[in-house]
C-alpha cells in the first residue's frame, strides 16, 4: 500500500528508489483503491492523498519512494 502524492496511472512506467538497494524499474499493472478495494486506472495525490495497493512481483522496503518515469 502506498500513499499517492502526484498522479499515478495504470500501465505507467515507474522507478522505485529503495533504501540501500538499486533502483527498481517496473510497470504498474494493476492498482486498487485501498479504501474501496476497487480496481482503478488512475490515482491522485493532493489533499490527504489517495492510498492505493499496487500489485507487483517485487517487494518494496518501507520508506521506498516511487517515481514516474517521464519520457521526453
PDB file of N, CA and C in Angstrom:
ATOM      1  N   UNK A   1       0.849  -1.184   0.000  1.00  0.00           N
ATOM      2  CA  UNK A   1       0.000   0.000   0.000  1.00  0.00           C
ATOM      3  C   UNK A   1       0.887   1.236   0.000  1.00  0.00           C
ATOM      4  N   UNK A   2       0.572   2.181  -0.867  1.00  0.00           N
ATOM      5  CA  UNK A   2       1.337   3.427  -0.917  1.00  0.00           C
ATOM      6  C   UNK A   2       0.393   4.626  -0.856  1.00  0.00           C
ATOM      7  N   UNK A   3       0.914   5.746  -0.393  1.00  0.00           N
ATOM      8  CA  UNK A   3       0.165   6.997  -0.380  1.00  0.00           C
ATOM      9  C   UNK A   3       0.619   7.819  -1.581  1.00  0.00           C
ATOM     10  N   UNK A   4      -0.319   8.204  -2.405  1.00  0.00           N
ATOM     11  CA  UNK A   4      -0.015   8.921  -3.651  1.00  0.00           C
ATOM     12  C   UNK A   4       0.142  10.415  -3.366  1.00  0.00           C
ATOM     13  N   UNK A   5       1.210  11.008  -3.904  1.00  0.00           N
ATOM     14  CA  UNK A   5       1.432  12.450  -3.760  1.00  0.00           C
ATOM     15  C   UNK A   5       1.209  13.186  -5.077  1.00  0.00           C
ATOM     16  N   UNK A   6       1.352  12.497  -6.180  1.00  0.00           N
ATOM     17  CA  UNK A   6       1.078  13.022  -7.517  1.00  0.00           C
ATOM     18  C   UNK A   6       0.228  11.986  -8.240  1.00  0.00           C
ATOM     19  N   UNK A   7      -0.134  12.241  -9.459  1.00  0.00           N
ATOM     20  CA  UNK A   7      -0.970  11.309 -10.209  1.00  0.00           C
ATOM     21  C   UNK A   7      -0.189  10.076 -10.650  1.00  0.00           C
ATOM     22  N   UNK A   8      -0.796   8.908 -10.476  1.00  0.00           N
ATOM     23  CA  UNK A   8      -0.265   7.649 -10.991  1.00  0.00           C
ATOM     24  C   UNK A   8      -1.317   7.022 -11.873  1.00  0.00           C
ATOM     25  N   UNK A   9      -0.880   6.385 -12.950  1.00  0.00           N
ATOM     26  CA  UNK A   9      -1.810   5.746 -13.873  1.00  0.00           C
ATOM     27  C   UNK A   9      -1.408   4.299 -14.104  1.00  0.00           C
ATOM     28  N   UNK A  10      -2.406   3.443 -14.304  1.00  0.00           N
ATOM     29  CA  UNK A  10      -2.133   2.053 -14.648  1.00  0.00           C
ATOM     30  C   UNK A  10      -1.376   2.003 -15.960  1.00  0.00           C
ATOM     31  N   UNK A  11      -0.535   1.025 -16.127  1.00  0.00           N
ATOM     32  CA  UNK A  11       0.313   0.823 -17.310  1.00  0.00           C
ATOM     33  C   UNK A  11       1.416   1.866 -17.448  1.00  0.00           C
ATOM     34  N   UNK A  12       1.675   2.621 -16.404  1.00  0.00           N
ATOM     35  CA  UNK A  12       2.713   3.647 -16.427  1.00  0.00           C
ATOM     36  C   UNK A  12       4.038   3.049 -15.952  1.00  0.00           C
ATOM     37  N   UNK A  13       5.135   3.457 -16.591  1.00  0.00           N
ATOM     38  CA  UNK A  13       6.466   3.042 -16.169  1.00  0.00           C
ATOM     39  C   UNK A  13       6.838   3.801 -14.896  1.00  0.00           C
ATOM     40  N   UNK A  14       7.368   3.081 -13.908  1.00  0.00           N
ATOM     41  CA  UNK A  14       7.781   3.718 -12.659  1.00  0.00           C
ATOM     42  C   UNK A  14       9.166   3.229 -12.260  1.00  0.00           C
ATOM     43  N   UNK A  15       9.768   3.971 -11.358  1.00  0.00           N
ATOM     44  CA  UNK A  15      11.018   3.572 -10.721  1.00  0.00           C
ATOM     45  C   UNK A  15      10.783   3.615  -9.217  1.00  0.00           C
ATOM     46  N   UNK A  16      11.286   2.614  -8.524  1.00  0.00           N
ATOM     47  CA  UNK A  16      11.152   2.549  -7.075  1.00  0.00           C
ATOM     48  C   UNK A  16      12.548   2.724  -6.488  1.00  0.00           C
ATOM     49  N   UNK A  17      12.729   3.830  -5.766  1.00  0.00           N
ATOM     50  CA  UNK A  17      14.002   4.110  -5.113  1.00  0.00           C
ATOM     51  C   UNK A  17      13.919   3.472  -3.733  1.00  0.00           C
ATOM     52  N   UNK A  18      14.718   2.416  -3.547  1.00  0.00           N
ATOM     53  CA  UNK A  18      14.670   1.640  -2.312  1.00  0.00           C
ATOM     54  C   UNK A  18      15.901   1.934  -1.470  1.00  0.00           C
ATOM     55  N   UNK A  19      15.730   2.076  -0.153  1.00  0.00           N
ATOM     56  CA  UNK A  19      16.887   2.356   0.707  1.00  0.00           C
ATOM     57  C   UNK A  19      17.932   1.243   0.614  1.00  0.00           C
ATOM     58  N   UNK A  20      19.163   1.617   0.325  1.00  0.00           N
ATOM     59  CA  UNK A  20      20.316   0.718   0.308  1.00  0.00           C
ATOM     60  C   UNK A  20      20.239  -0.374  -0.771  1.00  0.00           C
ATOM     61  N   UNK A  21      19.344  -0.220  -1.739  1.00  0.00           N
ATOM     62  CA  UNK A  21      19.195  -1.187  -2.821  1.00  0.00           C
ATOM     63  C   UNK A  21      19.183  -0.447  -4.159  1.00  0.00           C
ATOM     64  N   UNK A  22      19.457  -1.142  -5.252  1.00  0.00           N
ATOM     65  CA  UNK A  22      19.392  -0.476  -6.561  1.00  0.00           C
ATOM     66  C   UNK A  22      17.974  -0.024  -6.899  1.00  0.00           C
ATOM     67  N   UNK A  23      17.879   0.974  -7.756  1.00  0.00           N
ATOM     68  CA  UNK A  23      16.581   1.465  -8.223  1.00  0.00           C
ATOM     69  C   UNK A  23      15.914   0.357  -9.021  1.00  0.00           C
ATOM     70  N   UNK A  24      14.644   0.114  -8.725  1.00  0.00           N
ATOM     71  CA  UNK A  24      13.865  -0.928  -9.401  1.00  0.00           C
ATOM     72  C   UNK A  24      13.005  -0.275 -10.475  1.00  0.00           C
ATOM     73  N   UNK A  25      13.138  -0.734 -11.708  1.00  0.00           N
ATOM     74  CA  UNK A  25      12.323  -0.208 -12.806  1.00  0.00           C
ATOM     75  C   UNK A  25      11.241  -1.240 -13.115  1.00  0.00           C
ATOM     76  N   UNK A  26       9.984  -0.778 -13.151  1.00  0.00           N
ATOM     77  CA  UNK A  26       8.865  -1.684 -13.370  1.00  0.00           C
ATOM     78  C   UNK A  26       7.697  -0.925 -13.986  1.00  0.00           C
ATOM     79  N   UNK A  27       6.584  -1.601 -14.150  1.00  0.00           N
ATOM     80  CA  UNK A  27       5.384  -1.007 -14.730  1.00  0.00           C
ATOM     81  C   UNK A  27       4.210  -1.293 -13.810  1.00  0.00           C
ATOM     82  N   UNK A  28       3.330  -0.306 -13.626  1.00  0.00           N
ATOM     83  CA  UNK A  28       2.127  -0.509 -12.820  1.00  0.00           C
ATOM     84  C   UNK A  28       1.151  -1.333 -13.654  1.00  0.00           C
ATOM     85  N   UNK A  29       0.906  -2.545 -13.236  1.00  0.00           N
ATOM     86  CA  UNK A  29      -0.008  -3.405 -13.983  1.00  0.00           C
ATOM     87  C   UNK A  29      -1.437  -3.285 -13.463  1.00  0.00           C
ATOM     88  N   UNK A  30      -1.570  -3.125 -12.145  1.00  0.00           N
ATOM     89  CA  UNK A  30      -2.899  -3.086 -11.540  1.00  0.00           C
ATOM     90  C   UNK A  30      -2.847  -2.257 -10.267  1.00  0.00           C
ATOM     91  N   UNK A  31      -3.816  -1.330 -10.099  1.00  0.00           N
ATOM     92  CA  UNK A  31      -3.926  -0.516  -8.889  1.00  0.00           C
ATOM     93  C   UNK A  31      -5.288  -0.724  -8.273  1.00  0.00           C
ATOM     94  N   UNK A  32      -5.311  -0.805  -6.958  1.00  0.00           N
ATOM     95  CA  UNK A  32      -6.562  -0.983  -6.229  1.00  0.00           C
ATOM     96  C   UNK A  32      -6.672   0.118  -5.188  1.00  0.00           C
ATOM     97  N   UNK A  33      -7.820   0.784  -5.131  1.00  0.00           N
ATOM     98  CA  UNK A  33      -8.053   1.806  -4.114  1.00  0.00           C
ATOM     99  C   UNK A  33      -8.070   1.118  -2.748  1.00  0.00           C
ATOM    100  N   UNK A  34      -7.247   1.596  -1.818  1.00  0.00           N
ATOM    101  CA  UNK A  34      -7.125   0.953  -0.509  1.00  0.00           C
ATOM    102  C   UNK A  34      -8.419   1.019   0.304  1.00  0.00           C
ATOM    103  N   UNK A  35      -9.230   2.056   0.108  1.00  0.00           N
ATOM    104  CA  UNK A  35     -10.486   2.186   0.868  1.00  0.00           C
ATOM    105  C   UNK A  35     -11.601   1.320   0.296  1.00  0.00           C
ATOM    106  N   UNK A  36     -11.813   1.427  -1.005  1.00  0.00           N
ATOM    107  CA  UNK A  36     -12.964   0.758  -1.622  1.00  0.00           C
ATOM    108  C   UNK A  36     -12.648  -0.650  -2.112  1.00  0.00           C
ATOM    109  N   UNK A  37     -11.349  -0.971  -2.238  1.00  0.00           N
ATOM    110  CA  UNK A  37     -10.882  -2.265  -2.765  1.00  0.00           C
ATOM    111  C   UNK A  37     -11.277  -2.477  -4.224  1.00  0.00           C
ATOM    112  N   UNK A  38     -11.608  -1.393  -4.934  1.00  0.00           N
ATOM    113  CA  UNK A  38     -11.957  -1.471  -6.352  1.00  0.00           C
ATOM    114  C   UNK A  38     -10.730  -1.173  -7.201  1.00  0.00           C
ATOM    115  N   UNK A  39     -10.640  -1.859  -8.354  1.00  0.00           N
ATOM    116  CA  UNK A  39      -9.550  -1.599  -9.272  1.00  0.00           C
ATOM    117  C   UNK A  39      -9.760  -0.226  -9.913  1.00  0.00           C
ATOM    118  N   UNK A  40      -8.676   0.542 -10.011  1.00  0.00           N
ATOM    119  CA  UNK A  40      -8.741   1.882 -10.593  1.00  0.00           C
ATOM    120  C   UNK A  40      -7.652   2.018 -11.655  1.00  0.00           C
ATOM    121  N   UNK A  41      -7.830   2.966 -12.561  1.00  0.00           N
ATOM    122  CA  UNK A  41      -6.829   3.181 -13.604  1.00  0.00           C
ATOM    123  C   UNK A  41      -5.990   4.429 -13.346  1.00  0.00           C
ATOM    124  N   UNK A  42      -6.420   5.249 -12.369  1.00  0.00           N
ATOM    125  CA  UNK A  42      -5.708   6.497 -12.062  1.00  0.00           C
ATOM    126  C   UNK A  42      -5.886   6.821 -10.593  1.00  0.00           C
ATOM    127  N   UNK A  43      -4.804   7.282  -9.948  1.00  0.00           N
ATOM    128  CA  UNK A  43      -4.855   7.682  -8.537  1.00  0.00           C
ATOM    129  C   UNK A  43      -4.273   9.081  -8.406  1.00  0.00           C
ATOM    130  N   UNK A  44      -4.812   9.850  -7.476  1.00  0.00           N
ATOM    131  CA  UNK A  44      -4.406  11.243  -7.315  1.00  0.00           C
ATOM    132  C   UNK A  44      -3.922  11.528  -5.894  1.00  0.00           C
ATOM    133  N   UNK A  45      -2.954  12.427  -5.800  1.00  0.00           N
ATOM    134  CA  UNK A  45      -2.468  12.887  -4.511  1.00  0.00           C
ATOM    135  C   UNK A  45      -3.166  14.181  -4.153  1.00  0.00           C
ATOM    136  N   UNK A  46      -2.474  15.037  -3.440  1.00  0.00           N
ATOM    137  CA  UNK A  46      -3.074  16.306  -3.030  1.00  0.00           C
ATOM    138  C   UNK A  46      -4.043  16.089  -1.887  1.00  0.00           C
ATOM    139  N   UNK A  47      -4.345  17.138  -1.160  1.00  0.00           N
ATOM    140  CA  UNK A  47      -5.240  16.986  -0.006  1.00  0.00           C
ATOM    141  C   UNK A  47      -4.653  15.968   0.948  1.00  0.00           C
ATOM    142  N   UNK A  48      -5.416  14.926   1.230  1.00  0.00           N
ATOM    143  CA  UNK A  48      -4.918  13.854   2.092  1.00  0.00           C
ATOM    144  C   UNK A  48      -4.135  12.810   1.320  1.00  0.00           C
ATOM    145  N   UNK A  49      -4.224  12.840  -0.001  1.00  0.00           N
ATOM    146  CA  UNK A  49      -3.538  11.850  -0.818  1.00  0.00           C
ATOM    147  C   UNK A  49      -4.272  10.519  -0.799  1.00  0.00           C
ATOM    148  N   UNK A  50      -4.487   9.955  -1.943  1.00  0.00           N
ATOM    149  CA  UNK A  50      -5.179   8.680  -2.072  1.00  0.00           C
ATOM    150  C   UNK A  50      -4.199   7.545  -1.769  1.00  0.00           C
ATOM    151  N   UNK A  51      -4.647   6.525  -1.067  1.00  0.00           N
ATOM    152  CA  UNK A  51      -3.832   5.345  -0.812  1.00  0.00           C
ATOM    153  C   UNK A  51      -4.253   4.242  -1.767  1.00  0.00           C
ATOM    154  N   UNK A  52      -3.261   3.593  -2.363  1.00  0.00           N
ATOM    155  CA  UNK A  52      -3.540   2.538  -3.335  1.00  0.00           C
ATOM    156  C   UNK A  52      -2.681   1.318  -3.046  1.00  0.00           C
ATOM    157  N   UNK A  53      -3.147   0.201  -3.540  1.00  0.00           N
ATOM    158  CA  UNK A  53      -2.392  -1.041  -3.488  1.00  0.00           C
ATOM    159  C   UNK A  53      -1.924  -1.312  -4.909  1.00  0.00           C
ATOM    160  N   UNK A  54      -0.637  -1.516  -5.071  1.00  0.00           N
ATOM    161  CA  UNK A  54      -0.070  -1.827  -6.378  1.00  0.00           C
ATOM    162  C   UNK A  54       0.459  -3.256  -6.311  1.00  0.00           C
ATOM    163  N   UNK A  55      -0.069  -4.102  -7.164  1.00  0.00           N
ATOM    164  CA  UNK A  55       0.384  -5.484  -7.192  1.00  0.00           C
ATOM    165  C   UNK A  55       1.654  -5.578  -8.019  1.00  0.00           C
ATOM    166  N   UNK A  56       2.665  -6.229  -7.468  1.00  0.00           N
ATOM    167  CA  UNK A  56       3.958  -6.346  -8.130  1.00  0.00           C
ATOM    168  C   UNK A  56       4.625  -7.654  -7.719  1.00  0.00           C
ATOM    169  N   UNK A  57       5.563  -8.092  -8.523  1.00  0.00           N
ATOM    170  CA  UNK A  57       6.306  -9.306  -8.205  1.00  0.00           C
ATOM    171  C   UNK A  57       7.429  -9.018  -7.213  1.00  0.00           C
ATOM    172  N   UNK A  58       7.850  -7.771  -7.118  1.00  0.00           N
ATOM    173  CA  UNK A  58       8.960  -7.386  -6.248  1.00  0.00           C
ATOM    174  C   UNK A  58       8.445  -6.771  -4.958  1.00  0.00           C
ATOM    175  N   UNK A  59       9.179  -6.979  -3.881  1.00  0.00           N
ATOM    176  CA  UNK A  59       8.806  -6.337  -2.621  1.00  0.00           C
ATOM    177  C   UNK A  59       9.550  -5.011  -2.504  1.00  0.00           C
ATOM    178  N   UNK A  60       8.902  -4.052  -1.870  1.00  0.00           N
ATOM    179  CA  UNK A  60       9.485  -2.729  -1.677  1.00  0.00           C
ATOM    180  C   UNK A  60       9.636  -2.508  -0.179  1.00  0.00           C
ATOM    181  N   UNK A  61      10.842  -2.211   0.297  1.00  0.00           N
ATOM    182  CA  UNK A  61      11.014  -1.957   1.720  1.00  0.00           C
ATOM    183  C   UNK A  61      10.285  -0.680   2.152  1.00  0.00           C
ATOM    184  N   UNK A  62       9.972  -0.612   3.419  1.00  0.00           N
ATOM    185  CA  UNK A  62       9.379   0.594   3.989  1.00  0.00           C
ATOM    186  C   UNK A  62      10.305   1.771   3.694  1.00  0.00           C
ATOM    187  N   UNK A  63       9.732   2.924   3.414  1.00  0.00           N
ATOM    188  CA  UNK A  63      10.434   4.171   3.096  1.00  0.00           C
ATOM    189  C   UNK A  63      10.968   4.203   1.665  1.00  0.00           C
ATOM    190  N   UNK A  64      10.516   3.303   0.824  1.00  0.00           N
ATOM    191  CA  UNK A  64      10.860   3.388  -0.600  1.00  0.00           C
ATOM    192  C   UNK A  64      10.091   4.550  -1.209  1.00  0.00           C
ATOM    193  N   UNK A  65      10.641   5.123  -2.268  1.00  0.00           N
ATOM    194  CA  UNK A  65       9.996   6.236  -2.961  1.00  0.00           C
ATOM    195  C   UNK A  65       9.707   5.804  -4.393  1.00  0.00           C
ATOM    196  N   UNK A  66       8.485   5.981  -4.806  1.00  0.00           N
ATOM    197  CA  UNK A  66       8.073   5.627  -6.154  1.00  0.00           C
ATOM    198  C   UNK A  66       8.048   6.895  -6.991  1.00  0.00           C
ATOM    199  N   UNK A  67       8.589   6.824  -8.185  1.00  0.00           N
ATOM    200  CA  UNK A  67       8.552   7.986  -9.079  1.00  0.00           C
ATOM    201  C   UNK A  67       8.187   7.519 -10.484  1.00  0.00           C
ATOM    202  N   UNK A  68       7.449   8.391 -11.165  1.00  0.00           N
ATOM    203  CA  UNK A  68       7.080   8.097 -12.550  1.00  0.00           C
ATOM    204  C   UNK A  68       8.297   8.249 -13.438  1.00  0.00           C
ATOM    205  N   UNK A  69       8.401   7.391 -14.420  1.00  0.00           N
ATOM    206  CA  UNK A  69       9.466   7.535 -15.408  1.00  0.00           C
ATOM    207  C   UNK A  69       8.920   8.378 -16.539  1.00  0.00           C
ATOM    208  N   UNK A  70       9.418   9.584 -16.650  1.00  0.00           N
ATOM    209  CA  UNK A  70       8.935  10.526 -17.645  1.00  0.00           C
ATOM    210  C   UNK A  70       9.809  10.430 -18.889  1.00  0.00           C
ATOM    211  N   UNK A  71       9.174  10.237 -20.030  1.00  0.00           N
ATOM    212  CA  UNK A  71       9.904  10.197 -21.292  1.00  0.00           C
ATOM    213  C   UNK A  71       9.673  11.509 -22.027  1.00  0.00           C
ATOM    214  N   UNK A  72      10.709  12.023 -22.620  1.00  0.00           N
ATOM    215  CA  UNK A  72      10.612  13.302 -23.340  1.00  0.00           C
ATOM    216  C   UNK A  72      10.617  13.082 -24.817  1.00  0.00           C
TER     217      UNK A  72
END
